[in-house]
Each structure stands twice: as structure tokens, then as C-alpha cells.
N, C-alpha and C. Protein backbone atom coordinates (compact mmCIF):
# COMPACT_ATOMS: atom_id res chain seq x y z
N UNK A 1 1.38 -1.36 0.93
CA UNK A 1 -0.27 0.05 -0.33
C UNK A 1 0.89 1.21 -0.25
N UNK A 2 0.67 2.05 -0.61
CA UNK A 2 1.25 3.16 -0.80
C UNK A 2 0.72 4.30 -0.08
N UNK A 3 1.77 4.80 0.46
CA UNK A 3 0.90 6.77 1.75
C UNK A 3 1.26 7.39 1.36
N UNK A 4 1.03 8.42 1.60
CA UNK A 4 0.59 10.17 1.38
C UNK A 4 1.12 10.72 2.37
N UNK A 5 2.53 11.51 2.82
CA UNK A 5 2.82 12.09 4.13
C UNK A 5 1.08 13.37 3.65
N UNK A 6 0.85 13.56 5.24
CA UNK A 6 -0.69 14.73 5.06
C UNK A 6 -0.74 15.16 6.70
N UNK A 7 -0.74 16.69 6.84
CA UNK A 7 -0.88 17.60 8.05
C UNK A 7 -1.78 18.09 8.12
N UNK A 8 -2.20 17.46 9.65
CA UNK A 8 -3.64 17.84 10.03
C UNK A 8 -3.27 19.19 10.82
N UNK A 9 -4.41 19.83 11.09
CA UNK A 9 -4.32 21.22 11.64
C UNK A 9 -5.07 20.77 13.07
N UNK A 10 -3.53 21.10 13.94
CA UNK A 10 -4.27 19.96 15.39
C UNK A 10 -3.89 21.44 16.65
N UNK A 11 -4.64 21.99 17.19
CA UNK A 11 -4.05 22.95 17.62
C UNK A 11 -3.63 23.82 17.50
N UNK A 12 -2.13 24.01 18.30
CA UNK A 12 -1.67 24.73 18.40
C UNK A 12 0.43 24.31 17.82
N UNK A 13 -0.65 23.04 17.44
CA UNK A 13 0.77 22.49 16.48
C UNK A 13 0.14 21.38 15.32
N UNK A 14 1.44 20.87 14.69
CA UNK A 14 0.82 20.21 13.44
C UNK A 14 1.53 19.32 13.78
N UNK A 15 1.23 17.80 13.05
CA UNK A 15 1.64 16.97 12.66
C UNK A 15 0.93 15.68 12.11
N UNK A 16 2.67 14.95 11.80
CA UNK A 16 2.15 14.02 10.32
C UNK A 16 1.42 13.36 10.68
N UNK A 17 0.61 12.72 9.49
CA UNK A 17 -0.34 11.79 9.43
C UNK A 17 -0.26 10.77 8.24
N UNK A 18 -0.72 9.89 8.10
CA UNK A 18 -1.03 9.37 6.83
C UNK A 18 -2.32 9.16 6.17
N UNK A 19 -2.05 9.95 4.93
CA UNK A 19 -3.23 9.62 4.27
C UNK A 19 -3.79 8.45 3.13
N UNK A 20 -4.78 7.51 3.14
CA UNK A 20 -4.63 6.93 2.24
C UNK A 20 -4.38 6.70 1.19
N UNK A 21 -4.77 5.05 0.68
CA UNK A 21 -3.71 5.17 -1.11
C UNK A 21 -5.04 5.47 -1.64
N UNK A 22 -6.11 6.09 -1.26
CA UNK A 22 -6.59 6.73 -2.27
C UNK A 22 -6.32 7.67 -2.92
N UNK A 23 -5.51 8.97 -2.17
CA UNK A 23 -5.13 10.01 -3.18
C UNK A 23 -4.01 9.76 -3.59
N UNK A 24 -2.64 8.95 -3.17
CA UNK A 24 -1.86 8.27 -4.10
C UNK A 24 -1.55 8.08 -5.10
N UNK A 25 -2.90 7.16 -5.21
CA UNK A 25 -2.84 5.88 -6.60
C UNK A 25 -3.58 7.29 -7.37
N UNK A 26 -3.71 8.48 -7.07
CA UNK A 26 -3.61 9.54 -7.90
C UNK A 26 -2.84 9.96 -9.35
N UNK A 27 -1.65 9.21 -8.66
CA UNK A 27 -0.05 9.57 -8.83
C UNK A 27 -0.21 8.87 -10.35
N UNK A 28 -0.32 7.15 -10.28
CA UNK A 28 -0.34 6.45 -11.06
C UNK A 28 -1.65 6.12 -12.29
N UNK A 29 -2.67 6.54 -12.01
CA UNK A 29 -3.93 7.26 -12.40
C UNK A 29 -3.47 8.45 -12.91
N UNK A 30 -2.71 9.30 -12.57
CA UNK A 30 -2.43 10.24 -13.97
C UNK A 30 -2.50 9.92 -14.58
N UNK A 31 -0.59 9.20 -14.27
CA UNK A 31 0.58 8.67 -15.62
C UNK A 31 -0.22 7.84 -16.52
N UNK A 32 -1.07 7.16 -15.78
CA UNK A 32 -1.62 6.43 -17.00
C UNK A 32 -2.66 7.07 -18.23
N UNK A 33 -3.77 8.03 -18.01
CA UNK A 33 -4.01 9.12 -18.22
C UNK A 33 -3.49 10.10 -19.36
N UNK A 34 -2.34 10.00 -18.61
CA UNK A 34 -1.43 11.14 -19.57
C UNK A 34 -1.37 10.57 -21.25
N UNK A 35 -1.07 9.40 -21.00
CA UNK A 35 -0.42 8.24 -21.96
C UNK A 35 -1.22 8.65 -23.16
N UNK A 36 -2.83 8.40 -22.84
CA UNK A 36 -4.08 8.40 -23.90
C UNK A 36 -4.39 9.88 -24.09
N UNK A 37 -3.72 10.85 -23.60
CA UNK A 37 -4.00 12.11 -23.59
C UNK A 37 -3.02 13.06 -24.76
N UNK A 38 -4.10 13.31 -25.85
CA UNK A 38 -2.43 13.96 -26.74
C UNK A 38 -2.87 15.58 -26.09
N UNK A 39 -3.54 15.86 -25.12
CA UNK A 39 -3.50 17.60 -24.53
C UNK A 39 -2.23 17.36 -24.17
N UNK A 40 -1.50 19.03 -23.79
CA UNK A 40 -0.39 19.09 -23.34
C UNK A 40 -0.01 18.41 -21.29
N UNK A 41 0.83 17.76 -20.87
CA UNK A 41 0.72 17.39 -19.85
C UNK A 41 0.97 18.69 -18.25
N UNK A 42 0.35 19.09 -18.06
CA UNK A 42 0.93 19.73 -16.82
C UNK A 42 1.78 19.58 -15.94
N UNK A 43 2.30 20.31 -15.12
CA UNK A 43 3.63 19.87 -14.26
C UNK A 43 2.99 20.56 -13.67
N UNK A 44 2.84 20.09 -12.09
CA UNK A 44 2.31 20.80 -10.94
C UNK A 44 2.97 20.57 -9.65
N UNK A 45 3.27 21.11 -8.66
CA UNK A 45 4.25 21.24 -7.52
C UNK A 45 3.10 20.09 -6.19
N UNK A 46 1.79 20.74 -6.79
CA UNK A 46 0.59 20.03 -5.48
C UNK A 46 0.62 19.41 -6.45
N UNK A 47 -0.08 17.74 -6.11
CA UNK A 47 -0.58 16.81 -5.63
C UNK A 47 -1.48 16.58 -7.18
N UNK A 48 -1.89 16.06 -8.03
CA UNK A 48 -1.86 16.04 -9.37
C UNK A 48 -2.79 15.09 -9.50
N UNK A 49 -4.76 15.24 -9.53
CA UNK A 49 -5.63 13.92 -8.02
C UNK A 49 -6.56 13.96 -9.39
N UNK A 50 -6.21 14.10 -11.20
CA UNK A 50 -7.15 14.13 -12.14
C UNK A 50 -7.34 13.15 -11.84
N UNK A 51 -8.62 13.01 -12.68
CA UNK A 51 -9.61 11.93 -13.34
C UNK A 51 -9.85 10.55 -11.94
N UNK A 52 -9.32 10.66 -10.91
CA UNK A 52 -9.58 10.12 -9.18
C UNK A 52 -10.84 9.98 -9.20
N UNK A 53 -11.89 9.29 -9.30
CA UNK A 53 -13.37 8.99 -8.75
C UNK A 53 -13.61 8.84 -7.71
N UNK A 54 -12.48 8.70 -7.09
CA UNK A 54 -12.56 8.62 -5.72
C UNK A 54 -13.11 9.90 -4.42
N UNK A 55 -12.98 10.43 -5.44
CA UNK A 55 -13.22 11.94 -4.47
C UNK A 55 -14.58 12.29 -5.43
N UNK A 56 -15.20 13.58 -4.44
CA UNK A 56 -16.69 13.77 -5.70
C UNK A 56 -16.46 14.72 -6.11
N UNK A 57 -17.08 15.05 -7.35
CA UNK A 57 -16.24 15.59 -8.94
C UNK A 57 -17.75 16.86 -8.53
N UNK A 58 -18.14 17.82 -7.48
CA UNK A 58 -18.95 18.15 -7.66
C UNK A 58 -19.12 18.79 -5.89
N UNK A 59 -19.65 20.05 -5.37
CA UNK A 59 -19.85 20.34 -4.48
C UNK A 59 -21.78 20.73 -3.81
N UNK A 60 -21.98 21.42 -3.34
CA UNK A 60 -23.71 21.44 -3.00
C UNK A 60 -23.83 22.03 -1.34
N UNK A 61 -23.07 23.87 -1.41
CA UNK A 61 -23.44 23.86 0.51
C UNK A 61 -23.88 25.66 0.03
N UNK A 62 -24.32 26.06 1.37
CA UNK A 62 -24.45 27.87 1.09
C UNK A 62 -23.59 28.49 1.53
N UNK A 63 -23.81 29.44 0.91
CA UNK A 63 -22.95 30.68 1.67
C UNK A 63 -23.11 31.18 2.53
N UNK A 64 -22.72 31.80 2.87
CA UNK A 64 -22.64 33.14 3.66
C UNK A 64 -24.62 33.64 3.95
N UNK A 65 -24.54 33.96 2.67
CA UNK A 65 -26.33 34.74 2.74
C UNK A 65 -27.20 33.74 2.62
N UNK A 66 -26.91 31.99 2.80
CA UNK A 66 -27.82 31.01 2.63
C UNK A 66 -28.21 30.56 1.23
N UNK A 67 -27.47 31.59 0.32
CA UNK A 67 -27.80 30.69 -1.03
C UNK A 67 -26.80 29.51 -1.16
N UNK A 68 -27.35 27.87 -2.07
CA UNK A 68 -26.86 27.20 -2.16
C UNK A 68 -26.03 27.29 -3.43
N UNK A 69 -24.96 27.32 -3.17
CA UNK A 69 -23.63 27.09 -4.14
C UNK A 69 -22.81 25.76 -4.77
N UNK A 70 -22.52 26.17 -6.10
CA UNK A 70 -22.37 24.33 -7.05
C UNK A 70 -20.94 24.98 -7.46
N UNK A 71 -20.57 24.22 -8.51
CA UNK A 71 -19.50 24.89 -9.30
C UNK A 71 -20.23 26.12 -10.75
N UNK A 72 -21.30 25.41 -10.60
CA UNK A 72 -21.43 26.39 -12.16
C UNK A 72 -21.83 27.53 -11.55
N UNK A 73 -21.86 28.51 -10.56
CA UNK A 73 -21.99 29.52 -9.75
C UNK A 73 -19.97 30.47 -10.11
N UNK A 74 -19.36 29.19 -10.63
CA UNK A 74 -17.92 29.87 -10.93
C UNK A 74 -17.24 29.07 -11.84
N UNK A 75 -18.15 28.67 -12.92
CA UNK A 75 -17.63 28.01 -14.34
C UNK A 75 -16.96 30.18 -15.00
N UNK A 76 -15.79 29.26 -15.85
CA UNK A 76 -14.86 30.58 -15.92
C UNK A 76 -14.09 30.08 -15.10
N UNK A 77 -14.26 29.83 -13.60
CA UNK A 77 -13.06 30.58 -12.98
C UNK A 77 -12.09 28.61 -12.27
N UNK A 78 -11.12 29.00 -11.61
CA UNK A 78 -10.43 28.10 -10.94
C UNK A 78 -11.21 28.00 -9.78
N UNK A 79 -11.63 27.34 -8.63
CA UNK A 79 -11.97 27.09 -7.57
C UNK A 79 -11.12 26.39 -6.36
N UNK A 80 -10.87 27.06 -5.52
CA UNK A 80 -9.58 26.81 -4.84
C UNK A 80 -10.97 25.90 -3.25
N UNK A 81 -11.06 25.29 -2.94
CA UNK A 81 -11.47 25.23 -1.96
C UNK A 81 -10.41 24.92 -0.34
N UNK A 82 -10.77 26.21 0.47
CA UNK A 82 -9.90 25.42 1.57
C UNK A 82 -10.73 24.92 3.04
N UNK A 83 -10.15 24.34 3.38
CA UNK A 83 -11.27 23.70 4.85
C UNK A 83 -10.49 24.16 5.90
N UNK A 84 -11.41 24.97 7.05
CA UNK A 84 -11.23 25.22 8.73
C UNK A 84 -11.87 25.79 8.82
N UNK A 85 -11.91 26.34 9.88
CA UNK A 85 -12.61 26.75 10.66
C UNK A 85 -12.23 28.12 11.31
N UNK A 86 -12.59 29.13 11.75
CA UNK A 86 -12.06 30.38 12.15
C UNK A 86 -11.22 30.71 13.52
N UNK A 87 -11.37 29.75 14.15
CA UNK A 87 -10.74 30.11 15.45
C UNK A 87 -9.45 28.77 14.88
N UNK A 88 -9.38 28.28 14.20
CA UNK A 88 -7.88 27.85 13.80
C UNK A 88 -6.63 28.65 14.18
N UNK A 89 -5.58 28.33 14.81
CA UNK A 89 -4.72 29.32 15.15
C UNK A 89 -3.47 28.98 14.53
N UNK A 90 -3.38 28.13 13.24
CA UNK A 90 -1.76 28.06 12.60
C UNK A 90 -2.20 27.34 11.11
N UNK A 91 -2.45 26.57 10.70
CA UNK A 91 -2.81 26.41 9.35
C UNK A 91 -3.67 26.99 8.53
N UNK A 92 -5.11 27.19 8.69
CA UNK A 92 -5.76 27.64 8.28
C UNK A 92 -5.15 29.22 7.82
N UNK A 93 -5.19 29.69 9.10
CA UNK A 93 -4.55 31.61 8.45
C UNK A 93 -3.79 31.80 7.45
N UNK A 94 -3.03 30.45 7.44
CA UNK A 94 -1.14 30.52 7.41
C UNK A 94 -1.78 30.27 5.79
N UNK A 95 -2.52 29.11 5.15
CA UNK A 95 -2.92 29.10 3.93
C UNK A 95 -4.10 30.24 3.09
N UNK A 96 -4.80 31.04 3.88
CA UNK A 96 -5.69 32.12 2.88
C UNK A 96 -4.59 33.13 3.07
N UNK A 97 -3.40 33.55 4.50
CA UNK A 97 -2.64 34.29 3.76
C UNK A 97 -1.91 34.13 2.80
N UNK A 98 -1.23 32.91 2.20
CA UNK A 98 -0.55 32.27 0.88
C UNK A 98 -1.28 32.74 -0.23
N UNK A 99 -2.52 32.14 0.00
CA UNK A 99 -3.53 31.78 -1.05
C UNK A 99 -3.40 34.10 -1.35
N UNK A 100 -3.84 34.81 -0.41
CA UNK A 100 -4.02 36.02 -0.92
C UNK A 100 -2.46 36.89 -1.64
N UNK A 101 -1.29 35.95 -1.43
CA UNK A 101 -0.21 36.40 -1.79
C UNK A 101 -0.09 36.55 -3.39
N UNK A 102 -0.13 34.44 -3.26
CA UNK A 102 -0.43 34.02 -4.66
C UNK A 102 -1.03 34.80 -6.00
N UNK A 103 -2.43 34.91 -5.44
CA UNK A 103 -3.56 35.87 -6.38
C UNK A 103 -2.63 37.40 -6.50
N UNK A 104 -1.94 38.12 -5.76
CA UNK A 104 -1.33 38.89 -5.58
C UNK A 104 -0.14 39.07 -6.54
N UNK A 105 0.47 37.39 -6.61
CA UNK A 105 1.68 37.55 -7.31
C UNK A 105 1.02 37.12 -8.95
N UNK A 106 0.02 36.93 -9.11
CA UNK A 106 -0.62 35.98 -10.39
C UNK A 106 -0.86 38.18 -11.65
N UNK A 107 -1.39 38.62 -10.89
CA UNK A 107 -1.81 40.55 -11.00
C UNK A 107 -3.38 39.74 -11.34
N UNK A 108 -3.74 42.09 -11.05
CA UNK A 108 -5.48 41.21 -11.45
C UNK A 108 -6.48 40.34 -12.44
N UNK A 109 -5.51 40.49 -13.22
CA UNK A 109 -6.14 40.15 -14.76
C UNK A 109 -6.73 38.88 -14.55
N UNK A 110 -5.26 37.87 -13.99
CA UNK A 110 -5.55 36.15 -13.70
C UNK A 110 -6.13 36.13 -12.40
N UNK A 111 -5.91 36.94 -10.96
CA UNK A 111 -6.14 36.75 -10.25
C UNK A 111 -8.19 36.65 -9.94
N UNK A 112 -8.52 37.36 -11.25
CA UNK A 112 -9.78 37.50 -10.98
C UNK A 112 -10.34 36.10 -11.69
N UNK A 113 -9.60 35.02 -12.24
CA UNK A 113 -9.87 33.82 -12.58
C UNK A 113 -10.05 32.73 -11.24
N UNK A 114 -9.60 33.03 -10.34
CA UNK A 114 -9.88 32.45 -9.21
C UNK A 114 -10.65 32.78 -7.86
N UNK A 115 -11.41 31.90 -7.30
CA UNK A 115 -12.07 31.89 -6.87
C UNK A 115 -11.59 30.91 -5.54
N UNK A 116 -11.36 31.46 -4.13
CA UNK A 116 -11.07 30.83 -3.08
C UNK A 116 -12.49 31.15 -2.20
N UNK A 117 -12.82 29.61 -1.72
CA UNK A 117 -14.26 29.61 -1.05
C UNK A 117 -13.34 28.49 0.51
N UNK A 118 -13.68 29.60 1.13
CA UNK A 118 -13.51 28.59 2.30
C UNK A 118 -14.52 28.46 3.23
N UNK A 119 -14.49 26.85 3.47
CA UNK A 119 -15.50 26.12 3.47
C UNK A 119 -14.92 25.23 5.22
N UNK A 120 -15.98 25.78 6.21
CA UNK A 120 -16.39 25.89 7.51
C UNK A 120 -16.37 24.44 7.74
N UNK A 121 -15.93 23.86 8.62
CA UNK A 121 -15.69 22.75 9.44
C UNK A 121 -16.48 22.64 11.05
N UNK A 122 -17.06 23.83 11.58
CA UNK A 122 -16.90 24.43 12.54
C UNK A 122 -18.83 25.39 12.57
N UNK A 123 -19.41 24.76 11.88
CA UNK A 123 -20.50 25.49 11.84
C UNK A 123 -21.25 26.05 13.44
N UNK A 124 -20.87 25.58 13.87
CA UNK A 124 -21.61 25.85 14.95
C UNK A 124 -20.93 26.93 15.38
N UNK A 125 -19.63 26.92 15.60
CA UNK A 125 -19.82 28.55 16.35
C UNK A 125 -19.14 29.46 14.63
N UNK A 126 -18.76 29.16 13.77
CA UNK A 126 -18.52 30.09 12.50
C UNK A 126 -20.06 30.43 12.10
N UNK A 127 -20.26 31.41 12.27
CA UNK A 127 -21.77 32.20 12.34
C UNK A 127 -21.31 32.37 10.64
N UNK A 128 -22.58 32.90 9.98
CA UNK A 128 -22.40 33.04 8.43
C UNK A 128 -21.81 34.92 8.84
N UNK A 129 -22.42 35.58 9.43
CA UNK A 129 -21.61 37.09 10.32
C UNK A 129 -19.91 36.89 9.66
N UNK A 130 -19.40 36.20 10.60
CA UNK A 130 -18.50 35.81 11.45
C UNK A 130 -17.60 34.80 10.45
N UNK A 131 -17.89 33.93 9.75
CA UNK A 131 -17.56 33.31 8.26
C UNK A 131 -17.05 33.90 7.71
N UNK A 132 -17.98 34.72 7.23
CA UNK A 132 -17.94 35.94 6.10
C UNK A 132 -16.63 37.04 6.30
N UNK A 133 -16.80 37.53 7.46
CA UNK A 133 -15.76 38.70 7.56
C UNK A 133 -14.17 38.00 7.34
N UNK A 134 -14.38 36.48 7.90
CA UNK A 134 -12.91 35.68 8.66
C UNK A 134 -12.81 36.03 7.09
N UNK A 135 -13.24 35.42 6.39
CA UNK A 135 -12.65 35.29 4.67
C UNK A 135 -12.31 36.18 3.93
N UNK A 136 -12.74 37.06 4.32
CA UNK A 136 -12.75 38.89 3.50
C UNK A 136 -11.78 39.52 4.12
N UNK A 137 -11.45 38.75 5.44
CA UNK A 137 -10.24 39.63 5.92
C UNK A 137 -8.68 39.17 5.31
N UNK A 138 -8.39 38.07 4.68
CA UNK A 138 -7.32 37.72 4.27
C UNK A 138 -7.37 38.68 2.61
N UNK A 139 -8.68 38.45 2.02
CA UNK A 139 -8.64 38.80 0.79
C UNK A 139 -10.13 39.28 0.45
N UNK A 140 -10.19 40.34 -0.19
CA UNK A 140 -11.73 40.79 -0.93
C UNK A 140 -12.59 40.44 -1.19
N UNK A 141 -12.09 39.50 -2.24
CA UNK A 141 -11.99 38.67 -3.29
C UNK A 141 -13.02 37.35 -2.64
N UNK A 142 -11.82 36.71 -1.21
CA UNK A 142 -12.65 35.35 -0.68
C UNK A 142 -13.79 35.21 -0.14
N UNK A 143 -14.78 34.20 -0.71
CA UNK A 143 -15.89 33.90 0.15
C UNK A 143 -15.97 32.47 1.35
N UNK A 144 -16.98 32.16 1.68
CA UNK A 144 -17.24 31.25 2.32
C UNK A 144 -18.07 30.38 1.96
N UNK A 145 -18.20 29.18 2.67
CA UNK A 145 -19.12 28.56 2.26
C UNK A 145 -19.71 27.79 3.66
N UNK A 146 -20.59 27.47 4.57
CA UNK A 146 -21.13 26.70 5.34
C UNK A 146 -21.76 25.89 6.16
N UNK A 147 -21.38 24.65 5.70
CA UNK A 147 -23.35 22.82 5.67
C UNK A 147 -23.70 23.75 6.58
N UNK A 148 -25.14 23.23 6.08
CA UNK A 148 -26.66 23.75 6.82
C UNK A 148 -26.47 22.98 7.94
N UNK A 149 -25.76 21.53 8.59
CA UNK A 149 -26.09 21.14 9.78
C UNK A 149 -24.93 19.62 9.80
N UNK A 150 -24.89 19.48 10.45
CA UNK A 150 -24.03 18.47 10.85
C UNK A 150 -24.08 16.91 9.96
N UNK A 151 -25.68 16.53 9.43
CA UNK A 151 -25.61 16.15 8.44
C UNK A 151 -24.88 16.12 7.10
N UNK A 152 -25.06 17.75 6.58
CA UNK A 152 -24.62 18.35 5.52
C UNK A 152 -22.88 18.07 5.76
N UNK A 153 -22.42 18.46 6.64
CA UNK A 153 -20.59 18.04 7.27
C UNK A 153 -20.66 16.86 7.19
N UNK A 154 -20.78 16.23 7.49
CA UNK A 154 -20.20 14.98 7.28
C UNK A 154 -19.98 14.12 6.13
N UNK A 155 -21.67 14.25 5.49
CA UNK A 155 -21.67 14.40 3.98
C UNK A 155 -20.48 14.70 3.45
N UNK A 156 -20.20 16.14 3.52
CA UNK A 156 -19.01 16.87 2.70
C UNK A 156 -17.53 16.42 2.94
N UNK A 157 -17.44 15.75 4.29
CA UNK A 157 -16.83 15.58 4.73
C UNK A 157 -16.12 14.03 4.32
N UNK A 158 -17.03 12.93 3.67
CA UNK A 158 -17.00 11.81 3.01
C UNK A 158 -16.54 11.90 1.72
N UNK A 159 -17.32 12.74 0.82
CA UNK A 159 -17.32 13.28 -0.30
C UNK A 159 -15.91 13.52 -0.70
N UNK A 160 -15.64 14.67 0.64
CA UNK A 160 -13.81 14.85 -0.66
C UNK A 160 -13.11 14.01 0.81
N UNK A 161 -13.01 13.30 1.31
CA UNK A 161 -12.29 11.91 2.26
C UNK A 161 -11.29 13.20 3.22
N UNK A 162 -11.85 13.31 3.96
CA UNK A 162 -11.76 14.74 5.20
C UNK A 162 -11.90 14.26 6.71
N UNK A 163 -10.74 15.19 7.15
CA UNK A 163 -11.33 13.89 8.84
C UNK A 163 -10.80 15.65 9.54
N UNK A 164 -12.28 15.32 10.27
CA UNK A 164 -12.30 16.59 11.48
C UNK A 164 -12.56 15.69 12.77
N UNK A 165 -12.04 16.26 13.40
CA UNK A 165 -12.56 16.05 15.19
C UNK A 165 -12.62 16.55 16.08
N UNK A 166 -13.53 17.17 16.90
CA UNK A 166 -13.84 17.96 17.99
C UNK A 166 -12.55 18.06 19.19
N UNK A 167 -11.66 18.59 20.01
CA UNK A 167 -10.61 18.42 20.90
C UNK A 167 -11.42 19.19 21.79
N UNK A 168 -11.63 18.94 22.67
CA UNK A 168 -12.71 19.73 24.28
C UNK A 168 -11.70 20.39 25.11
N UNK A 169 -11.83 21.63 25.65
CA UNK A 169 -11.19 22.76 25.70
C UNK A 169 -11.36 22.73 26.81
N UNK A 170 -11.19 24.09 27.98
CA UNK A 170 -12.06 24.46 28.83
C UNK A 170 -13.51 24.88 29.49
N UNK A 171 -13.80 24.82 28.04
CA UNK A 171 -15.52 25.10 28.25
C UNK A 171 -15.99 24.27 27.01
N UNK A 172 -17.34 24.49 27.23
CA UNK A 172 -17.85 23.87 26.04
C UNK A 172 -17.70 24.69 24.23
N UNK A 173 -17.73 26.01 24.20
CA UNK A 173 -17.99 26.19 23.02
C UNK A 173 -16.11 27.55 23.25
N UNK A 174 -14.79 26.10 24.26
CA UNK A 174 -13.83 26.72 23.49
C UNK A 174 -13.04 25.35 23.47
N UNK A 175 -12.63 25.02 22.51
CA UNK A 175 -12.49 23.83 21.74
C UNK A 175 -11.78 24.49 20.32
N UNK A 176 -11.15 23.08 20.08
CA UNK A 176 -9.91 23.31 18.89
C UNK A 176 -10.82 22.25 18.28
N UNK A 177 -10.29 22.27 16.63
CA UNK A 177 -10.28 20.86 16.08
C UNK A 177 -8.79 20.84 15.30
N UNK A 178 -8.81 19.32 14.80
CA UNK A 178 -7.86 18.24 14.25
C UNK A 178 -8.98 18.49 13.32
N UNK A 179 -7.83 18.87 11.45
CA UNK A 179 -8.62 18.51 10.67
C UNK A 179 -8.01 18.10 9.59
N UNK A 180 -8.20 17.95 8.48
CA UNK A 180 -7.15 17.52 7.13
C UNK A 180 -7.08 18.66 6.97
N UNK A 181 -5.80 18.86 7.33
CA UNK A 181 -5.05 19.97 6.40
C UNK A 181 -4.29 20.43 4.75
N UNK A 182 -5.30 20.41 4.06
CA UNK A 182 -5.16 20.33 2.57
C UNK A 182 -6.60 20.98 1.73
N UNK A 183 -6.31 21.09 0.44
CA UNK A 183 -7.36 22.05 -0.05
C UNK A 183 -7.58 21.57 -1.35
N UNK A 184 -8.90 21.38 -2.29
CA UNK A 184 -9.16 20.76 -3.36
C UNK A 184 -9.09 22.09 -4.20
N UNK A 185 -8.94 21.90 -5.72
CA UNK A 185 -8.20 22.76 -6.90
C UNK A 185 -9.32 22.76 -7.56
N UNK A 186 -10.84 22.94 -7.95
CA UNK A 186 -11.16 22.41 -9.52
C UNK A 186 -10.67 23.40 -10.57
N UNK A 187 -9.98 23.12 -11.85
CA UNK A 187 -10.06 23.79 -12.94
C UNK A 187 -11.13 24.70 -13.62
N UNK A 188 -10.98 25.79 -14.32
CA UNK A 188 -11.93 26.03 -14.92
C UNK A 188 -13.16 25.77 -15.67
N UNK A 189 -12.79 24.53 -16.09
CA UNK A 189 -14.36 23.46 -16.25
C UNK A 189 -14.66 22.77 -15.25
N UNK A 190 -14.87 23.36 -13.83
CA UNK A 190 -15.53 22.21 -13.18
C UNK A 190 -14.77 20.58 -12.68
N UNK A 191 -13.56 20.78 -13.18
CA UNK A 191 -13.22 19.68 -13.25
C UNK A 191 -11.77 19.70 -11.69
N UNK A 192 -11.82 18.29 -11.39
CA UNK A 192 -10.89 18.54 -10.15
C UNK A 192 -10.06 17.76 -10.14
N UNK A 193 -8.60 19.16 -9.84
CA UNK A 193 -7.40 18.66 -10.07
C UNK A 193 -6.20 18.54 -9.62
N UNK A 194 -6.60 19.25 -8.00
CA UNK A 194 -5.28 19.63 -7.52
C UNK A 194 -5.70 18.56 -6.14
N UNK A 195 -5.01 18.19 -5.23
CA UNK A 195 -4.73 17.94 -3.48
C UNK A 195 -3.85 18.60 -3.69
N UNK A 196 -3.66 19.55 -2.80
CA UNK A 196 -3.17 21.32 -1.98
C UNK A 196 -2.55 20.15 -0.29
N UNK A 197 -1.45 20.22 -0.34
CA UNK A 197 -1.03 20.10 1.70
C UNK A 197 -1.28 21.82 1.69
N UNK A 198 -1.65 22.43 2.54
CA UNK A 198 -2.30 22.96 3.60
C UNK A 198 -0.92 23.95 4.26
N UNK A 199 -0.09 25.13 4.32
CA UNK A 199 0.74 25.70 4.41
C UNK A 199 2.32 25.14 4.19
N UNK A 200 2.08 25.63 2.41
CA UNK A 200 3.57 25.19 2.38
C UNK A 200 3.97 25.84 1.83
N UNK A 201 3.73 27.28 1.39
CA UNK A 201 4.18 28.64 1.04
C UNK A 201 3.25 28.80 -0.14
N UNK A 202 3.98 30.11 -0.92
CA UNK A 202 3.09 30.45 -1.89
C UNK A 202 3.67 30.25 -3.25
N UNK A 203 4.77 30.03 -3.01
CA UNK A 203 5.48 29.50 -4.58
C UNK A 203 5.01 28.25 -4.83
N UNK A 204 4.08 26.92 -4.22
CA UNK A 204 3.22 25.50 -5.33
C UNK A 204 2.12 26.86 -5.40
N UNK A 205 1.61 27.46 -5.07
CA UNK A 205 0.22 27.89 -5.29
C UNK A 205 0.28 28.75 -6.37
N UNK A 206 1.74 30.15 -6.53
CA UNK A 206 1.88 30.49 -7.82
C UNK A 206 1.59 30.03 -8.86
N UNK A 207 2.81 29.01 -8.85
CA UNK A 207 3.10 27.59 -10.32
C UNK A 207 1.90 27.09 -10.90
N UNK A 208 1.22 26.51 -9.69
CA UNK A 208 0.01 25.56 -9.99
C UNK A 208 -1.39 26.03 -10.50
N UNK A 209 -1.55 27.43 -10.05
CA UNK A 209 -2.24 28.20 -10.74
C UNK A 209 -1.96 28.66 -11.81
N UNK A 210 -0.91 29.08 -12.62
CA UNK A 210 -0.79 29.46 -13.42
C UNK A 210 -0.41 28.55 -14.67
N UNK A 211 -0.81 27.50 -14.25
CA UNK A 211 -0.59 26.20 -15.08
C UNK A 211 -1.73 25.74 -15.46
N UNK A 212 -2.27 26.35 -14.59
CA UNK A 212 -3.90 25.72 -14.78
C UNK A 212 -5.02 27.03 -15.79
N UNK A 213 -4.37 28.30 -15.23
CA UNK A 213 -4.99 29.43 -16.24
C UNK A 213 -4.31 29.11 -17.75
N UNK A 214 -3.18 29.25 -17.70
CA UNK A 214 -2.78 28.97 -19.10
C UNK A 214 -2.97 28.04 -19.95
N UNK A 215 -3.68 27.01 -19.92
CA UNK A 215 -4.05 25.74 -20.00
C UNK A 215 -6.04 25.55 -20.69
N UNK A 216 -5.95 27.08 -19.46
CA UNK A 216 -7.42 27.54 -19.92
C UNK A 216 -7.96 27.95 -21.43
């Protein structure tokens, strides 16, 4: 079995975990598909999961105004799903800051073709207003999605192979969340393309977004 190293957001520290072979298997699957595809082969610094059918190929989640959003709402744009929560002390704010910096490096024209969506794994505390303000604080173009209830959150986690768990704190509403520290990237046609480990710096984001924008 092949395993791929994965970090979790874990309170105030980060620790190495292993992701199941379904993600790492994308490497072989992509290689095999590439042999039959006449289009130019793109070179990514994040994990290419193009064609991996074990991940969902769509989402349907409410935004902070209560309107249900799907990939169709962002047609023609690269969509980056960043999973986390507003009380996250490390990986979440770091990743959002890196993505904001990456968009600045892309320049205004290309940045308009990228939509970053922060998806809450803690909707109990992440109220719509708090979530909207949090995402926009990193970049005015960033938007947020909030599962409507615990069932929708569980289904989303299953669809995208996410792990999340509440870590009790000193009081009922003072807790942290262990969660998968990774983002998913859809290309301008709505196809899932990349599994990006969070907190790896700005350069991989700039490189891979440029690759996808250039292929659009």
C-alpha cells in the first residue's frame, strides 16, 4: 500500500499523518491517463488527482447569505476549496494568507479568474457573519461556505475524504478542531485537478494556478 504524508491542523501544533492510498493512487492513475491524452501534460507542484473518481466531482453548500452554491456559480474560474474553521490558530490563516499573496503575484487579470472558498468545518461557532468577515479579511475576493447542519458536514467530509474532530477545551464553546490540512482545486471547466497540502508556502500556489490558467 502506498501512503502519502498529510498534516492535520492540530490545535497549536502540526503533526504528520498518513492519507490513504486513494489519494496517492492518483499519481498512477494520472500517469496512465496521460499516455492516452493528446493535450499538453501539465507539471504541478501539488498532487495531481485528475481523474480520481474516489473524490466527489461537485459540491452544493450554502454561502454566508444562505444561497446554495455549486461549481456552476463559478464557471470559467479556478475554484480553490480551503477547509478549516475561524478559530484555527495555525494552518487555516497561514493557507489563506498564502493564497492571497499568490493572487497578488498572479496580477489583477489572472486573479479575477480564481475563486477561493473557505469551507467551515465548525459551523456551530462559524456563524455566517463571522465566516464572511473572516474570509474577506484575508482578501476581499475570498468567499465562504457553511454546511447547513451536521449531516451536511459529514456528507461533505465523506465526499472529499476529510477528517475532522472536536478537541475539548476548558469550556463547552472553547475547543479546537483536528482536521485535514489540505485544499482541493477545480479547474475552469469544473474538473477536480489538485490536492494541495496546506501551509507549504506561496510558490507552489503561484506555479500551479498559472499552469491551470494557461491551459484554460
